Amino acid sequence: MYRHAGFTEPVTFIGLDALQSMRAELTTAELLKTVNSAWRDIRAAKSFGGKAVLSLPEEEFWSRPEFQPFKADFTEQRLGWKLSSLYSVNAEFGAVKIIGANAFNRRLGLPRSTSTIVLLEKMTMRPVAILDGTAISATRTGTYASKVFQRCFPEQEKISVFVFGAGPVARAAISCLDHIGSDRIREIFVRSRTFEGAEPMIGVLRAQTTIPLIPVADNSRLCDCAFVVTASNARQPIFEDRELLADAVTLHLGGDEVPQPYLVRALRTGTVVCDSLAMVSHRRSQSLALHFWRNGLSLETVGPLLGIRELSASQDWYLKQAGPVCITCVGLPMLDLYVAQATFEKYARARDGFSSSN
């Protein structure tokens, strides 16, 4: 009879407190190793998945009397009020991640989004563990920064980096960049929606990183940066095309925060990439997908005709050439699966080791 560790055992719930108490959170080195394994399987079609998003109208939220007094505070950022489901499989496991998000949550002292991951044994599709996926989501998204940096900047010259945002994703991106690029990144400029907003994150990271982190109040240093990462929740563009280096690499992990002139220039003269054309197109919350939708077109349909590449494709997605490089990533569900699996396995080893010593 078929046997698997999760076939008859009770489902394990693993919260963040449990991971921390058992020292089972993945280190940055473990995280990047896990994600590299995921990318190899994704490109070899050994792991695949999908995403469904239910976006709710902001008008409904602001129509509630208890929320109306705060509406003016959100003129420059979108609520991003939605319920999402990401599902994927690999050789051993399946996973479903459920995400509830609303930027207003921060007013309540809560994370903007909360994720729960159900890890399932693949053959039976029975649950093995339920994990708090909020930190997992942020860290897996942050790994895109290191992946892009390694591919687009393989030479040894030093560059400067500009990061928009001061939330968990920006923090994870900086940690990953510091781990793989501390000898090649001169400095990282960090701009949040308010100057004070970046200080808590930078205060924590300065004790953990070696790259100088410099908070800024405007985009005046953007022209010095070869690599730009956007991880904000802005409602409108957060930079102008003229502020960028002509051949800058930009990585977009947020929403509709990229100006149309830059997208047009990248499409005409540069390299445009998505992690998945279909998922970025279907989500339709980021600037690239919205650019085509506003013109009555579909990114998924038009993208291949325009030569837009995919990180998840089997062929190489980046060929160095003149012009800007614009990369939009929505977050592949397969990355969640691999990080959740590695986290569960590390937790199980720590738990078993603790049990055997007592």
Protein backbone atom coordinates (compact mmCIF):
# COMPACT_ATOMS: atom_id res chain seq x y z
CA MET A 1 0.00 0.00 0.00
CA TYR A 2 1.19 3.50 -0.83
CA ARG A 3 2.68 5.35 2.17
CA HIS A 4 3.69 8.95 2.61
CA ALA A 5 4.56 11.03 5.65
CA GLY A 6 1.46 13.13 5.18
CA PHE A 7 -0.94 10.31 4.29
CA THR A 8 -2.11 9.31 7.75
CA GLU A 9 -0.53 11.89 10.04
CA PRO A 10 -2.62 14.83 11.25
CA VAL A 11 -2.22 18.11 9.40
CA THR A 12 0.37 20.38 10.99
CA PHE A 13 -0.38 24.09 11.40
CA ILE A 14 2.81 26.14 11.30
CA GLY A 15 2.51 29.76 12.31
CA LEU A 16 5.25 32.39 12.21
CA ASP A 17 5.81 32.10 15.97
CA ALA A 18 6.40 28.36 15.63
CA LEU A 19 8.87 28.86 12.79
CA GLN A 20 10.78 31.44 14.78
CA SER A 21 10.81 29.44 18.01
CA MET A 22 12.11 26.37 16.15
CA ARG A 23 14.53 28.50 14.09
CA ALA A 24 12.94 27.02 11.01
CA GLU A 25 12.66 30.14 8.86
CA LEU A 26 14.81 29.83 5.76
CA THR A 27 18.03 31.79 5.75
CA THR A 28 18.64 33.99 2.72
CA ALA A 29 21.11 31.40 1.38
CA GLU A 30 18.54 28.60 1.82
CA LEU A 31 15.83 30.73 0.26
CA LEU A 32 17.87 31.51 -2.85
CA LYS A 33 18.95 27.88 -3.23
CA THR A 34 15.31 26.80 -3.02
CA VAL A 35 14.14 29.39 -5.53
CA ASN A 36 16.91 28.45 -7.97
CA SER A 37 15.69 24.85 -7.80
CA ALA A 38 12.15 26.08 -8.48
CA TRP A 39 13.23 28.05 -11.53
CA ARG A 40 15.05 25.03 -12.98
CA ASP A 41 11.90 22.92 -12.65
CA ILE A 42 9.65 25.68 -13.97
CA ARG A 43 11.75 26.09 -17.11
CA ALA A 44 11.87 22.32 -17.56
CA ALA A 45 8.05 22.13 -17.24
CA LYS A 46 8.39 19.95 -14.13
CA SER A 47 6.44 22.41 -12.00
CA PHE A 48 3.46 24.47 -13.05
CA GLY A 49 0.45 26.27 -11.64
CA GLY A 50 -2.09 29.03 -12.00
CA LYS A 51 -3.65 32.02 -10.30
CA ALA A 52 -7.15 33.37 -9.79
CA VAL A 53 -7.87 36.88 -8.53
CA LEU A 54 -11.15 38.39 -7.36
CA SER A 55 -10.74 42.19 -7.22
CA LEU A 56 -13.36 44.10 -5.26
CA PRO A 57 -14.53 47.65 -6.11
CA GLU A 58 -13.09 50.41 -3.93
CA GLU A 59 -16.43 52.23 -4.12
CA GLU A 60 -18.02 49.48 -2.03
CA PHE A 61 -15.36 49.81 0.64
CA TRP A 62 -15.52 53.61 0.85
CA SER A 63 -19.33 53.54 0.96
CA ARG A 64 -19.15 52.15 4.48
CA PRO A 65 -19.61 55.05 6.95
CA GLU A 66 -16.82 53.87 9.27
CA PHE A 67 -14.26 54.04 6.43
CA GLN A 68 -15.35 57.27 4.67
CA PRO A 69 -13.33 59.63 6.94
CA PHE A 70 -10.10 57.96 5.77
CA LYS A 71 -10.72 58.07 2.01
CA ALA A 72 -8.69 61.23 1.45
CA ASP A 73 -5.62 59.50 2.90
CA PHE A 74 -5.65 57.00 0.03
CA THR A 75 -5.68 59.34 -2.95
CA GLU A 76 -2.11 58.36 -3.87
CA GLN A 77 -2.25 54.64 -3.15
CA ARG A 78 -4.69 51.97 -4.21
CA LEU A 79 -6.46 49.71 -1.77
CA GLY A 80 -5.67 46.59 -3.76
CA TRP A 81 -8.73 45.03 -2.10
CA LYS A 82 -8.88 41.48 -3.39
CA LEU A 83 -9.06 37.76 -2.71
CA SER A 84 -6.57 35.60 -4.62
CA SER A 85 -5.75 31.94 -4.96
CA LEU A 86 -2.48 30.54 -6.28
CA TYR A 87 -2.15 26.81 -6.97
CA SER A 88 0.77 24.71 -8.18
CA VAL A 89 2.40 21.27 -8.18
CA ASN A 90 5.88 19.83 -8.44
CA ALA A 91 7.21 16.27 -8.32
CA GLU A 92 6.23 15.67 -4.68
CA PHE A 93 3.76 18.28 -3.47
CA GLY A 94 0.95 20.56 -4.41
CA ALA A 95 0.10 23.86 -2.76
CA VAL A 96 -2.73 26.34 -2.65
CA LYS A 97 -2.08 29.83 -1.35
CA ILE A 98 -5.01 32.01 -0.30
CA ILE A 99 -4.38 35.74 -0.07
CA GLY A 100 -6.61 38.44 1.35
CA ALA A 101 -5.38 41.99 0.78
CA ASN A 102 -6.40 45.56 1.52
CA ALA A 103 -4.02 48.49 2.01
CA PHE A 104 -6.39 49.83 4.68
CA ASN A 105 -5.24 46.99 6.92
CA ARG A 106 -2.19 49.02 7.82
CA ARG A 107 -4.51 51.50 9.54
CA LEU A 108 -5.52 48.64 11.80
CA GLY A 109 -1.93 47.64 12.56
CA LEU A 110 -2.17 44.63 10.24
CA PRO A 111 -0.19 43.57 7.16
CA ARG A 112 -1.57 44.84 3.85
CA SER A 113 -1.99 41.23 2.75
CA THR A 114 -2.23 37.96 4.63
CA SER A 115 -1.42 34.61 3.02
CA THR A 116 -2.21 31.07 4.08
CA ILE A 117 -0.56 28.14 2.29
CA VAL A 118 -1.96 24.62 2.28
CA LEU A 119 0.78 22.12 1.40
CA LEU A 120 -0.55 18.84 -0.05
CA GLU A 121 1.03 15.48 -0.80
CA LYS A 122 0.82 15.20 -4.58
CA MET A 123 -0.39 11.62 -5.14
CA THR A 124 -3.29 11.80 -2.69
CA MET A 125 -3.75 15.58 -2.69
CA ARG A 126 -4.29 15.36 1.06
CA PRO A 127 -3.10 18.29 3.24
CA VAL A 128 0.23 17.82 4.97
CA ALA A 129 0.62 21.24 6.54
CA ILE A 130 -0.98 24.66 6.75
CA LEU A 131 1.55 27.48 6.90
CA ASP A 132 1.35 31.18 7.61
CA GLY A 133 2.38 32.30 4.13
CA THR A 134 2.60 36.07 4.62
CA ALA A 135 6.36 36.14 5.18
CA ILE A 136 6.88 33.39 2.59
CA SER A 137 5.08 35.52 -0.02
CA ALA A 138 7.22 38.58 0.66
CA THR A 139 10.51 36.70 0.65
CA ARG A 140 9.80 34.75 -2.54
CA THR A 141 8.85 37.99 -4.29
CA GLY A 142 12.02 39.65 -3.08
CA THR A 143 14.12 36.92 -4.70
CA TYR A 144 13.19 38.31 -8.13
CA ALA A 145 15.58 41.18 -7.45
CA SER A 146 18.57 38.88 -7.02
CA LYS A 147 17.55 36.75 -10.01
CA VAL A 148 17.36 39.79 -12.29
CA PHE A 149 20.56 41.30 -10.90
CA GLN A 150 22.56 38.12 -11.51
CA ARG A 151 21.32 37.79 -15.09
CA CYS A 152 21.44 41.43 -16.17
CA PHE A 153 24.61 42.49 -14.37
CA PRO A 154 27.06 39.58 -14.69
CA GLU A 155 30.09 41.85 -15.06
CA GLN A 156 32.16 42.96 -12.12
CA GLU A 157 31.68 46.73 -12.30
CA LYS A 158 29.84 48.28 -9.37
CA ILE A 159 26.38 49.77 -9.81
CA SER A 160 23.91 51.69 -7.68
CA VAL A 161 20.36 50.46 -7.04
CA PHE A 162 17.15 52.41 -6.38
CA VAL A 163 14.27 50.73 -4.50
CA PHE A 164 10.79 52.22 -4.31
CA GLY A 165 8.92 50.94 -1.26
CA ALA A 166 9.65 50.10 2.36
CA GLY A 167 7.38 47.15 2.99
CA PRO A 168 8.15 43.43 3.36
CA VAL A 169 8.80 42.91 -0.36
CA ALA A 170 11.28 45.80 -0.54
CA ARG A 171 12.97 44.49 2.58
CA ALA A 172 13.28 41.00 1.11
CA ALA A 173 14.61 42.38 -2.18
CA ILE A 174 17.33 44.34 -0.38
CA SER A 175 18.31 41.32 1.74
CA CYS A 176 18.61 39.14 -1.37
CA LEU A 177 20.63 41.77 -3.24
CA ASP A 178 22.96 42.14 -0.29
CA HIS A 179 23.50 38.38 -0.14
CA ILE A 180 24.52 37.95 -3.78
CA GLY A 181 25.73 41.42 -4.75
CA SER A 182 27.43 43.06 -1.80
CA ASP A 183 30.71 43.21 -3.74
CA ARG A 184 29.09 44.72 -6.85
CA ILE A 185 26.48 47.12 -5.49
CA ARG A 186 27.84 50.47 -4.42
CA GLU A 187 24.73 51.65 -2.58
CA ILE A 188 20.97 51.18 -2.45
CA PHE A 189 18.75 54.26 -2.37
CA VAL A 190 15.37 53.68 -0.75
CA ARG A 191 12.34 55.88 -1.32
CA SER A 192 9.07 55.33 0.49
CA ARG A 193 5.81 57.26 0.13
CA THR A 194 7.07 59.42 3.00
CA PHE A 195 10.69 59.94 3.98
CA GLU A 196 9.93 58.77 7.51
CA GLY A 197 8.32 55.59 6.15
CA ALA A 198 11.66 54.12 5.08
CA GLU A 199 13.44 54.67 8.37
CA PRO A 200 12.10 51.63 10.33
CA MET A 201 13.00 49.19 7.56
CA ILE A 202 16.43 50.71 6.98
CA GLY A 203 17.11 50.75 10.72
CA VAL A 204 16.56 47.00 10.89
CA LEU A 205 18.39 46.15 7.67
CA ARG A 206 21.49 48.21 8.38
CA ALA A 207 22.40 45.76 11.13
CA GLN A 208 21.98 42.83 8.74
CA THR A 209 23.46 44.07 5.45
CA THR A 210 26.78 45.38 4.21
CA ILE A 211 25.61 47.51 1.27
CA PRO A 212 25.06 51.14 2.34
CA LEU A 213 21.32 51.91 2.51
CA ILE A 214 20.42 55.54 1.87
CA PRO A 215 16.89 56.89 2.41
CA VAL A 216 15.89 59.60 -0.07
CA ALA A 217 12.95 61.97 -0.31
CA ASP A 218 12.91 62.39 -4.11
CA ASN A 219 14.11 60.83 -7.36
CA SER A 220 17.20 62.98 -7.86
CA ARG A 221 19.53 59.95 -7.47
CA LEU A 222 17.51 57.79 -9.84
CA CYS A 223 19.70 58.87 -12.77
CA ASP A 224 22.72 57.29 -11.01
CA CYS A 225 21.14 53.84 -10.76
CA ALA A 226 21.50 51.07 -13.33
CA PHE A 227 18.95 48.89 -11.52
CA VAL A 228 15.56 50.11 -10.25
CA VAL A 229 13.11 47.99 -8.22
CA THR A 230 9.54 49.15 -7.66
CA ALA A 231 7.75 47.49 -4.74
CA SER A 232 5.19 50.12 -3.86
CA ASN A 233 1.42 50.27 -3.70
CA ALA A 234 1.16 53.55 -5.61
CA ARG A 235 -1.93 54.47 -7.58
CA GLN A 236 0.00 56.38 -10.25
CA PRO A 237 3.54 56.47 -11.72
CA ILE A 238 6.27 57.00 -9.17
CA PHE A 239 8.96 58.19 -11.58
CA GLU A 240 9.24 59.86 -14.97
CA ASP A 241 10.97 58.33 -17.95
CA ARG A 242 13.41 61.25 -18.19
CA GLU A 243 14.63 60.52 -14.63
CA LEU A 244 16.01 57.10 -15.54
CA LEU A 245 19.31 56.12 -17.06
CA ALA A 246 18.65 55.42 -20.72
CA ASP A 247 19.60 51.74 -20.41
CA ALA A 248 18.46 51.12 -16.85
CA VAL A 249 17.02 47.75 -15.85
CA THR A 250 13.71 48.14 -14.05
CA LEU A 251 11.96 45.41 -12.08
CA HIS A 252 8.31 46.00 -11.22
CA LEU A 253 6.82 44.09 -8.29
CA GLY A 254 3.99 46.47 -7.40
CA GLY A 255 0.98 47.81 -9.26
CA ASP A 256 0.25 50.59 -11.75
CA GLU A 257 3.38 52.58 -10.92
CA VAL A 258 5.23 52.80 -14.24
CA PRO A 259 4.77 55.79 -16.61
CA GLN A 260 3.39 55.18 -20.10
CA PRO A 261 6.25 57.00 -21.91
CA TYR A 262 8.74 54.59 -20.35
CA LEU A 263 6.70 51.52 -21.31
CA VAL A 264 6.40 52.78 -24.88
CA ARG A 265 10.14 53.43 -25.09
CA ALA A 266 10.94 49.99 -23.67
CA LEU A 267 8.55 48.28 -26.10
CA ARG A 268 10.01 50.16 -29.06
CA THR A 269 13.71 50.21 -28.28
CA GLY A 270 14.44 47.81 -25.44
CA THR A 271 13.71 44.45 -23.85
CA VAL A 272 10.39 43.76 -22.10
CA VAL A 273 9.96 40.69 -19.92
CA CYS A 274 7.27 39.11 -17.66
CA ASP A 275 7.61 36.19 -15.31
CA SER A 276 4.46 34.85 -17.00
CA LEU A 277 2.63 36.63 -19.81
CA ALA A 278 -0.63 34.87 -19.02
CA MET A 279 -0.57 35.59 -15.29
CA VAL A 280 0.49 39.22 -15.63
CA SER A 281 -2.17 39.70 -18.31
CA HIS A 282 -4.97 38.03 -16.35
CA ARG A 283 -4.20 39.84 -13.11
CA ARG A 284 -4.31 43.18 -14.95
CA SER A 285 -3.18 45.26 -12.00
CA GLN A 286 0.30 46.22 -13.20
CA SER A 287 1.27 48.92 -15.64
CA LEU A 288 2.33 46.67 -18.52
CA ALA A 289 -0.95 44.72 -18.66
CA LEU A 290 -2.97 47.89 -18.10
CA HIS A 291 -1.13 49.63 -20.95
CA PHE A 292 -2.52 47.12 -23.45
CA TRP A 293 -5.93 46.84 -21.80
CA ARG A 294 -6.42 50.62 -21.96
CA ASN A 295 -5.77 50.38 -25.69
CA GLY A 296 -8.29 47.58 -26.18
CA LEU A 297 -5.65 44.86 -26.39
CA SER A 298 -4.52 41.87 -24.36
CA LEU A 299 -0.94 41.50 -23.14
CA GLU A 300 -1.23 37.73 -23.42
CA THR A 301 -2.27 37.96 -27.08
CA VAL A 302 -0.07 40.83 -28.26
CA GLY A 303 2.98 40.12 -26.11
CA PRO A 304 4.43 37.26 -28.19
CA LEU A 305 3.97 39.29 -31.39
CA LEU A 306 5.98 42.14 -29.89
CA GLY A 307 8.74 39.89 -28.65
CA ILE A 308 7.93 40.22 -24.94
CA ARG A 309 9.85 37.48 -23.17
CA GLU A 310 9.11 35.29 -20.15
CA LEU A 311 11.29 34.39 -17.19
CA SER A 312 9.46 31.06 -17.01
CA ALA A 313 10.20 30.06 -20.62
CA SER A 314 12.70 27.32 -21.38
CA GLN A 315 14.80 29.59 -23.62
CA ASP A 316 17.02 32.35 -22.29
CA TRP A 317 14.92 35.40 -21.47
CA TYR A 318 17.69 37.99 -21.50
CA LEU A 319 20.04 38.79 -24.36
CA LYS A 320 22.15 41.85 -23.67
CA GLN A 321 21.52 44.68 -26.09
CA ALA A 322 21.22 48.44 -26.11
CA GLY A 323 18.12 50.05 -24.67
CA PRO A 324 16.05 49.81 -21.50
CA VAL A 325 15.12 46.52 -19.86
CA CYS A 326 11.62 46.49 -18.31
CA ILE A 327 10.64 43.43 -16.25
CA THR A 328 7.20 42.93 -14.70
CA CYS A 329 6.62 40.09 -12.23
CA VAL A 330 3.33 39.04 -10.72
CA GLY A 331 4.72 36.24 -8.51
CA LEU A 332 4.63 32.66 -9.75
CA PRO A 333 2.70 30.23 -7.53
CA MET A 334 5.39 27.58 -8.06
CA LEU A 335 7.84 29.74 -6.09
CA ASP A 336 5.43 29.73 -3.14
CA LEU A 337 5.23 25.95 -3.34
CA TYR A 338 8.98 25.40 -3.25
CA VAL A 339 9.57 27.86 -0.42
CA ALA A 340 6.66 26.41 1.57
CA GLN A 341 7.97 22.88 1.01
CA ALA A 342 11.51 23.80 2.10
CA THR A 343 10.14 25.63 5.14
CA PHE A 344 7.97 22.67 6.14
CA GLU A 345 10.86 20.25 5.75
CA LYS A 346 13.18 22.44 7.83
CA TYR A 347 10.49 22.79 10.49
CA ALA A 348 9.90 19.01 10.54
CA ARG A 349 13.62 18.33 10.99
CA ALA A 350 13.80 20.86 13.83
CA ARG A 351 10.66 19.44 15.46
CA ASP A 352 11.88 15.85 15.20
CA GLY A 353 15.28 16.83 16.56
CA PHE A 354 13.66 18.64 19.47
CA SER A 355 11.40 15.65 20.23
CA SER A 356 14.26 13.14 20.18
CA SER A 357 16.33 15.24 22.58
CA ASN A 358 13.55 15.39 25.19
